[in-house]
Amino acid sequence: MRVVVISGSNVGTKTRTVSDYLKQAFAAYDSTIDVQIIDLAEVEMVFADGRSYTEYSGDTGRIAREIMESDALVIGTPIFQASIPAALKNVFDVLPTNAFRDKVVGMFATAGSAKHYLVLGQQLQPIVSYMKAQVVQPYVFVEGADLLRGEIVNHDVLQRLDRLVEDTVVLTQTYQKIREEKDAAYGF
């Protein structure tokens, strides 16, 4: 199983801190899972311009291919001005409309206050659903107070992240099995 964790901002460290924890949590859950982190702060993406994702080169092309070749994604985003960052939206704009078909997508957000809790459900979830994802419920919300010096210090948040990992793996395995059974029914 290939899982891509997206740290969806080109600034800040909180979303990357949670992404790093998730990578370790996937490894602890099942060491055979191949987990890659795409940190938008470490890459140079060009703006989407309408061409096929296969025509992009450099970091943009590599990121698009990694996402398209994955079985599951966990998308992490900070909340800026009650919205997802433009850098993350650009990733979606590079990809085709059905990019997440047959993929499971989990989500988490980092934000300064609980006032932004609903942003994932109102903005990110409709995007990934439109792109045909099977969305893991519920998403995880991490406040600034849950992090201290680059570590997650809230045990409830850690438990919710561990559950996100488990649910992502189980849902991915379940959908893979259903697809295999459906394909086998065709007999060719």
Protein backbone atom coordinates (compact mmCIF):
# COMPACT_ATOMS: atom_id res chain seq x y z
CA MET A 1 0.00 0.00 0.00
CA ARG A 2 1.27 3.43 -0.97
CA VAL A 3 0.20 6.38 1.17
CA VAL A 4 1.03 10.00 0.45
CA VAL A 5 0.79 12.52 3.27
CA ILE A 6 0.52 16.09 1.99
CA SER A 7 1.69 18.93 4.20
CA GLY A 8 -0.37 21.50 2.36
CA SER A 9 1.35 24.83 2.84
CA ASN A 10 4.49 26.52 1.63
CA VAL A 11 4.97 28.27 5.03
CA GLY A 12 4.87 27.26 8.69
CA THR A 13 5.78 24.07 10.57
CA LYS A 14 2.68 22.85 12.43
CA THR A 15 1.20 20.92 9.54
CA ARG A 16 4.58 19.29 8.87
CA THR A 17 4.85 18.31 12.55
CA VAL A 18 1.56 16.43 12.29
CA SER A 19 2.59 14.92 8.93
CA ASP A 20 5.80 13.57 10.46
CA TYR A 21 3.81 12.02 13.31
CA LEU A 22 1.46 10.37 10.80
CA LYS A 23 4.37 8.86 8.89
CA GLN A 24 5.62 7.27 12.11
CA ALA A 25 2.10 6.15 13.04
CA PHE A 26 1.61 4.41 9.67
CA ALA A 27 4.96 2.62 10.13
CA ALA A 28 3.96 1.54 13.65
CA TYR A 29 0.58 0.30 12.40
CA ASP A 30 2.03 -1.69 9.48
CA SER A 31 5.71 -1.54 8.54
CA THR A 32 4.95 -2.70 4.97
CA ILE A 33 3.09 0.50 4.13
CA ASP A 34 5.12 2.82 1.90
CA VAL A 35 4.52 6.35 3.21
CA GLN A 36 5.79 9.46 1.45
CA ILE A 37 5.45 13.02 2.70
CA ILE A 38 4.98 15.81 0.20
CA ASP A 39 5.75 19.06 1.99
CA LEU A 40 4.76 22.01 -0.17
CA ALA A 41 7.29 24.14 1.72
CA GLU A 42 10.10 22.01 0.27
CA VAL A 43 9.11 22.02 -3.40
CA GLU A 44 8.74 24.47 -6.25
CA MET A 45 5.41 24.01 -7.96
CA VAL A 46 4.29 25.97 -10.97
CA PHE A 47 0.74 27.26 -11.18
CA ALA A 48 -1.76 24.97 -12.85
CA ASP A 49 -2.39 26.08 -16.41
CA GLY A 50 -4.93 23.56 -17.69
CA ARG A 51 -2.64 21.00 -19.28
CA SER A 52 -2.65 17.31 -18.37
CA TYR A 53 -0.82 16.44 -15.16
CA THR A 54 1.42 14.14 -17.25
CA GLU A 55 2.83 17.16 -19.09
CA TYR A 56 4.27 18.87 -16.01
CA SER A 57 7.93 18.42 -15.18
CA GLY A 58 10.05 19.12 -12.12
CA ASP A 59 8.48 19.08 -8.68
CA THR A 60 5.01 19.68 -10.10
CA GLY A 61 5.15 16.60 -12.32
CA ARG A 62 6.72 14.45 -9.60
CA ILE A 63 4.08 15.44 -7.05
CA ALA A 64 1.24 14.80 -9.49
CA ARG A 65 2.64 11.34 -10.33
CA GLU A 66 3.15 10.42 -6.66
CA ILE A 67 -0.43 11.37 -5.87
CA MET A 68 -1.85 9.55 -8.88
CA GLU A 69 0.16 6.38 -8.08
CA SER A 70 -0.88 6.30 -4.41
CA ASP A 71 -3.56 4.09 -2.90
CA ALA A 72 -4.42 6.56 -0.15
CA LEU A 73 -3.76 10.15 0.81
CA VAL A 74 -3.82 12.07 4.04
CA ILE A 75 -4.14 15.75 3.27
CA GLY A 76 -3.04 18.17 5.96
CA THR A 77 -3.65 21.88 5.78
CA PRO A 78 -3.24 24.89 7.97
CA ILE A 79 -6.20 27.22 8.04
CA PHE A 80 -5.36 30.73 6.83
CA GLN A 81 -8.05 33.44 6.74
CA ALA A 82 -10.73 30.74 7.27
CA SER A 83 -9.60 28.86 4.16
CA ILE A 84 -7.11 26.36 2.76
CA PRO A 85 -3.85 27.78 1.36
CA ALA A 86 -3.50 28.56 -2.33
CA ALA A 87 -0.50 26.21 -2.55
CA LEU A 88 -2.74 23.25 -1.66
CA LYS A 89 -5.52 24.35 -4.00
CA ASN A 90 -2.93 24.55 -6.78
CA VAL A 91 -2.09 20.85 -6.23
CA PHE A 92 -5.74 19.98 -6.83
CA ASP A 93 -5.87 22.22 -9.90
CA VAL A 94 -2.92 20.37 -11.48
CA LEU A 95 -4.69 17.01 -11.13
CA PRO A 96 -7.54 15.65 -13.27
CA THR A 97 -11.11 15.76 -11.99
CA ASN A 98 -11.15 12.04 -11.16
CA ALA A 99 -7.68 11.97 -9.59
CA PHE A 100 -8.92 10.44 -6.35
CA ARG A 101 -11.12 7.73 -7.88
CA ASP A 102 -10.39 4.44 -6.06
CA LYS A 103 -8.38 6.33 -3.45
CA VAL A 104 -9.09 6.83 0.21
CA VAL A 105 -8.45 10.33 1.53
CA GLY A 106 -8.05 11.29 5.18
CA MET A 107 -7.76 14.90 6.29
CA PHE A 108 -6.40 16.98 9.11
CA ALA A 109 -6.09 20.68 9.78
CA THR A 110 -3.91 22.83 11.98
CA ALA A 111 -5.20 26.20 13.14
CA GLY A 112 -4.68 28.82 15.77
CA SER A 113 -8.14 28.47 17.25
CA ALA A 114 -11.19 26.21 17.27
CA LYS A 115 -13.11 28.85 15.33
CA HIS A 116 -11.86 27.27 12.10
CA TYR A 117 -13.00 23.72 12.87
CA LEU A 118 -15.57 23.61 10.07
CA VAL A 119 -13.25 24.74 7.26
CA LEU A 120 -12.27 21.17 6.35
CA GLY A 121 -15.86 20.05 6.11
CA GLN A 122 -16.99 23.10 4.17
CA GLN A 123 -14.02 23.59 1.83
CA LEU A 124 -11.62 20.64 1.58
CA GLN A 125 -14.09 17.78 1.77
CA PRO A 126 -16.22 19.06 -1.15
CA ILE A 127 -13.08 19.36 -3.30
CA VAL A 128 -11.81 15.83 -2.62
CA SER A 129 -15.34 14.41 -2.95
CA TYR A 130 -15.71 16.13 -6.33
CA MET A 131 -12.42 14.50 -7.33
CA LYS A 132 -14.05 11.10 -6.50
CA ALA A 133 -12.30 10.29 -3.17
CA GLN A 134 -13.59 7.91 -0.54
CA VAL A 135 -13.28 10.22 2.46
CA VAL A 136 -12.27 8.93 5.89
CA GLN A 137 -14.57 10.21 8.63
CA PRO A 138 -13.95 12.05 10.86
CA TYR A 139 -11.13 14.42 10.06
CA VAL A 140 -8.68 15.57 12.75
CA PHE A 141 -8.42 19.17 13.88
CA VAL A 142 -5.25 20.28 15.69
CA GLU A 143 -5.11 23.63 17.46
CA GLY A 144 -1.93 25.58 18.04
CA ALA A 145 -2.22 24.83 21.77
CA ASP A 146 -1.94 21.09 20.96
CA LEU A 147 1.64 21.61 19.76
CA LEU A 148 4.69 22.69 21.71
CA ARG A 149 8.22 23.05 20.32
CA GLY A 150 7.55 20.86 17.32
CA GLU A 151 5.78 18.09 19.26
CA ILE A 152 2.15 17.13 19.64
CA VAL A 153 1.42 17.43 23.37
CA ASN A 154 -2.32 16.70 23.46
CA HIS A 155 -2.93 12.97 24.02
CA ASP A 156 -6.46 13.22 22.62
CA VAL A 157 -5.03 14.56 19.35
CA LEU A 158 -2.52 11.69 19.25
CA GLN A 159 -5.33 9.16 19.71
CA ARG A 160 -7.40 10.80 16.97
CA LEU A 161 -4.41 10.76 14.60
CA ASP A 162 -3.76 7.09 15.38
CA ARG A 163 -7.41 6.37 14.63
CA LEU A 164 -7.13 8.31 11.36
CA VAL A 165 -4.23 6.05 10.38
CA GLU A 166 -6.14 2.90 11.29
CA ASP A 167 -9.30 4.02 9.50
CA THR A 168 -7.33 5.04 6.40
CA VAL A 169 -5.62 1.64 6.20
CA VAL A 170 -8.77 -0.39 6.87
CA LEU A 171 -10.85 1.60 4.40
CA THR A 172 -8.14 1.36 1.73
CA GLN A 173 -7.85 -2.42 2.20
CA THR A 174 -11.63 -2.78 2.12
CA TYR A 175 -12.03 -0.83 -1.12
CA GLN A 176 -9.12 -2.71 -2.71
CA LYS A 177 -10.79 -6.03 -1.85
CA ILE A 178 -14.14 -4.88 -3.21
CA ARG A 179 -12.50 -3.75 -6.49
CA GLU A 180 -10.61 -7.06 -6.81
CA GLU A 181 -13.84 -9.05 -6.31
CA LYS A 182 -15.67 -6.87 -8.81
CA ASP A 183 -12.87 -7.25 -11.39
CA ALA A 184 -12.79 -11.04 -10.83
CA ALA A 185 -16.53 -11.24 -11.55
CA TYR A 186 -15.88 -10.16 -15.15
CA GLY A 187 -13.95 -13.39 -15.79
CA PHE A 188 -11.28 -12.01 -18.11
